[in-house]
Amino acid sequence: MTTLLFWVASFAGLLLVHGVNTWLPTMMRASGYNLGSAISFLLVINLGGIAGMLVAGRLADRFGWFTLTGLGVGLLAIPMPLPVTYVVVFLTGSWLFSAKPLVYAAVGGHYPAKSRATALGWVAGIGRFAGRRDDRLDQAPRGRLTPPSKGNSGGLSGIRGSPPIRWSR
């Protein structure tokens, strides 16, 4: 059962990463930000990801990492002053891009040394399916392409990925 939960967490985590990278400018334009700001949010969220990687382990032990990511992505759908939005985007990036390596760390800590590499390979491989499926999953319920801010919050992927990590401990 734990293996299946790791697969679900990996899939949901990468689905969220791909969804945010794909839809962030569209979400922010739909929320009223100009094109320049909407595109610069991609840079800021990735810079947040770099910073997050440096502190991910300690904070993940204290807080629910997928839950924080889901909340951050959900906040992006709310119009805020530009400086506040940049801070939220940066923090969301720190949580979002650190989640995937944290799943890998949990896998490494769960399986014995003789099967660790195989387990990690399978978890990473299953997660990679999300990268190929994210556009199709977003379009399927509506039969057309719709930005996450129009009724399909990418934050739900992070929240859906949260229970498997908690249950696998």
Protein backbone atom coordinates (compact mmCIF):
# COMPACT_ATOMS: atom_id res chain seq x y z
CA MET A 1 0.00 0.00 0.00
CA THR A 2 2.84 2.40 0.80
CA THR A 3 4.26 2.01 -2.70
CA LEU A 4 0.91 2.94 -4.21
CA LEU A 5 0.69 5.99 -1.95
CA PHE A 6 4.17 7.11 -3.00
CA TRP A 7 3.11 6.74 -6.64
CA VAL A 8 0.01 8.88 -6.05
CA ALA A 9 2.05 11.54 -4.24
CA SER A 10 4.63 11.60 -7.03
CA PHE A 11 1.98 11.81 -9.75
CA ALA A 12 0.02 14.56 -7.94
CA GLY A 13 3.17 16.53 -7.17
CA LEU A 14 4.44 16.57 -10.72
CA LEU A 15 0.95 17.24 -12.05
CA LEU A 16 0.85 20.33 -9.86
CA VAL A 17 4.32 21.48 -10.95
CA HIS A 18 3.46 21.13 -14.63
CA GLY A 19 0.05 22.72 -14.14
CA VAL A 20 1.43 25.78 -12.39
CA ASN A 21 4.27 26.23 -14.88
CA THR A 22 1.79 25.93 -17.74
CA TRP A 23 -1.04 28.02 -16.34
CA LEU A 24 0.53 30.63 -14.04
CA PRO A 25 0.68 33.46 -16.61
CA THR A 26 -2.86 32.67 -17.78
CA MET A 27 -4.15 32.54 -14.21
CA MET A 28 -2.53 35.84 -13.36
CA ARG A 29 -3.79 37.54 -16.55
CA ALA A 30 -7.30 36.29 -15.71
CA SER A 31 -6.87 37.81 -12.23
CA GLY A 32 -6.19 41.21 -13.78
CA TYR A 33 -2.38 41.45 -13.84
CA ASN A 34 -0.70 42.81 -16.97
CA LEU A 35 1.17 40.49 -19.31
CA GLY A 36 4.62 41.62 -18.13
CA SER A 37 3.84 40.89 -14.49
CA ALA A 38 2.08 37.63 -15.38
CA ILE A 39 5.17 36.37 -17.21
CA SER A 40 7.59 37.63 -14.54
CA PHE A 41 5.71 35.51 -12.01
CA LEU A 42 7.24 32.44 -13.73
CA LEU A 43 10.72 33.72 -12.92
CA VAL A 44 9.74 34.54 -9.33
CA ILE A 45 8.09 31.17 -8.70
CA ASN A 46 11.20 29.36 -9.98
CA LEU A 47 13.49 31.55 -7.85
CA GLY A 48 11.29 30.59 -4.91
CA GLY A 49 11.84 26.96 -5.90
CA ILE A 50 15.61 27.42 -5.68
CA ALA A 51 15.30 28.98 -2.21
CA GLY A 52 12.88 26.28 -1.13
CA MET A 53 15.29 23.51 -2.02
CA LEU A 54 17.74 24.92 0.50
CA VAL A 55 15.31 24.73 3.43
CA ALA A 56 12.82 22.07 2.29
CA GLY A 57 13.77 19.24 4.63
CA ARG A 58 13.49 21.13 7.90
CA LEU A 59 10.26 22.90 6.97
CA ALA A 60 8.67 19.77 5.52
CA ASP A 61 9.13 17.99 8.82
CA ARG A 62 7.31 20.81 10.58
CA PHE A 63 4.54 21.67 8.08
CA GLY A 64 2.55 19.78 5.47
CA TRP A 65 4.47 20.59 2.30
CA PHE A 66 1.80 19.59 -0.25
CA THR A 67 -0.86 21.37 1.79
CA LEU A 68 1.18 24.60 1.83
CA THR A 69 1.67 24.32 -1.93
CA GLY A 70 -2.05 23.84 -2.51
CA LEU A 71 -2.88 26.83 -0.35
CA GLY A 72 -0.28 28.97 -2.12
CA VAL A 73 -1.61 28.08 -5.55
CA GLY A 74 -5.15 28.74 -4.36
CA LEU A 75 -4.11 32.20 -3.12
CA LEU A 76 -2.83 33.03 -6.59
CA ALA A 77 -6.41 33.07 -7.83
CA ILE A 78 -7.24 35.95 -5.45
CA PRO A 79 -6.45 39.48 -6.69
CA MET A 80 -3.84 41.09 -4.43
CA PRO A 81 -1.56 44.13 -4.66
CA LEU A 82 1.40 43.40 -6.94
CA PRO A 83 4.10 43.35 -4.20
CA VAL A 84 2.05 40.94 -2.07
CA THR A 85 1.47 38.74 -5.11
CA TYR A 86 5.21 38.52 -5.77
CA VAL A 87 5.77 37.36 -2.18
CA VAL A 88 2.99 34.75 -2.44
CA VAL A 89 4.36 33.55 -5.80
CA PHE A 90 7.88 33.26 -4.35
CA LEU A 91 6.68 31.31 -1.29
CA THR A 92 4.48 29.09 -3.43
CA GLY A 93 7.49 28.32 -5.63
CA SER A 94 9.55 27.41 -2.59
CA TRP A 95 6.91 24.91 -1.52
CA LEU A 96 5.91 23.70 -4.97
CA PHE A 97 9.29 22.84 -6.43
CA SER A 98 10.61 21.30 -3.23
CA ALA A 99 7.77 18.82 -2.90
CA LYS A 100 9.02 16.38 -5.53
CA PRO A 101 12.48 15.88 -3.96
CA LEU A 102 10.79 15.44 -0.59
CA VAL A 103 8.78 12.53 -1.99
CA TYR A 104 12.07 11.04 -3.18
CA ALA A 105 13.58 11.53 0.28
CA ALA A 106 10.61 9.79 1.89
CA VAL A 107 11.00 6.87 -0.53
CA GLY A 108 14.71 6.62 0.31
CA GLY A 109 13.93 6.55 4.01
CA HIS A 110 11.20 3.94 3.69
CA TYR A 111 12.73 1.16 1.60
CA PRO A 112 15.72 -1.01 2.51
CA ALA A 113 19.02 -0.25 0.78
CA LYS A 114 18.81 -3.25 -1.57
CA SER A 115 15.53 -2.03 -3.13
CA ARG A 116 15.87 1.74 -2.74
CA ALA A 117 17.01 2.47 -6.29
CA THR A 118 14.21 0.38 -7.81
CA ALA A 119 11.61 1.99 -5.58
CA LEU A 120 12.86 5.47 -6.40
CA GLY A 121 12.91 4.68 -10.13
CA TRP A 122 9.32 3.49 -10.03
CA VAL A 123 8.14 6.50 -8.01
CA ALA A 124 9.92 8.89 -10.38
CA GLY A 125 8.59 7.06 -13.43
CA ILE A 126 4.99 7.09 -12.22
CA GLY A 127 5.35 10.79 -11.41
CA ARG A 128 6.58 11.46 -14.94
CA PHE A 129 3.27 10.25 -16.31
CA ALA A 130 1.77 13.39 -14.76
CA GLY A 131 3.94 15.54 -16.99
CA ARG A 132 2.47 13.84 -20.01
CA ARG A 133 -1.09 13.79 -18.71
CA ASP A 134 -1.60 17.25 -17.19
CA ASP A 135 -3.01 18.95 -20.29
CA ARG A 136 -5.27 16.02 -21.07
CA LEU A 137 -6.58 15.86 -17.49
CA ASP A 138 -7.30 19.58 -17.48
CA GLN A 139 -9.22 19.41 -20.76
CA ALA A 140 -11.11 16.18 -20.10
CA PRO A 141 -13.83 17.41 -17.71
CA ARG A 142 -14.79 20.34 -19.92
CA GLY A 143 -13.89 19.13 -23.39
CA ARG A 144 -11.83 22.30 -23.91
CA LEU A 145 -8.78 24.10 -22.58
CA THR A 146 -9.60 26.27 -19.56
CA PRO A 147 -7.18 28.06 -17.21
CA PRO A 148 -7.06 26.81 -13.61
CA SER A 149 -8.48 30.12 -12.34
CA LYS A 150 -11.66 29.40 -14.32
CA GLY A 151 -12.90 26.60 -12.09
CA ASN A 152 -10.01 24.13 -11.98
CA SER A 153 -7.59 25.20 -9.26
CA GLY A 154 -4.20 23.60 -9.72
CA GLY A 155 -3.90 23.75 -5.93
CA LEU A 156 -6.22 20.78 -5.66
CA SER A 157 -3.50 18.55 -7.09
CA GLY A 158 -1.26 19.49 -4.18
CA ILE A 159 -3.97 18.95 -1.64
CA ARG A 160 -4.82 15.58 -3.20
CA GLY A 161 -1.14 14.64 -2.93
CA SER A 162 -0.95 15.50 0.74
CA PRO A 163 -2.67 12.47 2.35
CA PRO A 164 -0.45 9.80 0.74
CA ILE A 165 2.69 11.35 2.22
CA ARG A 166 1.07 11.56 5.66
CA TRP A 167 -0.30 7.99 5.45
CA SER A 168 2.98 6.50 4.30
CA ARG A 169 4.88 7.58 7.42
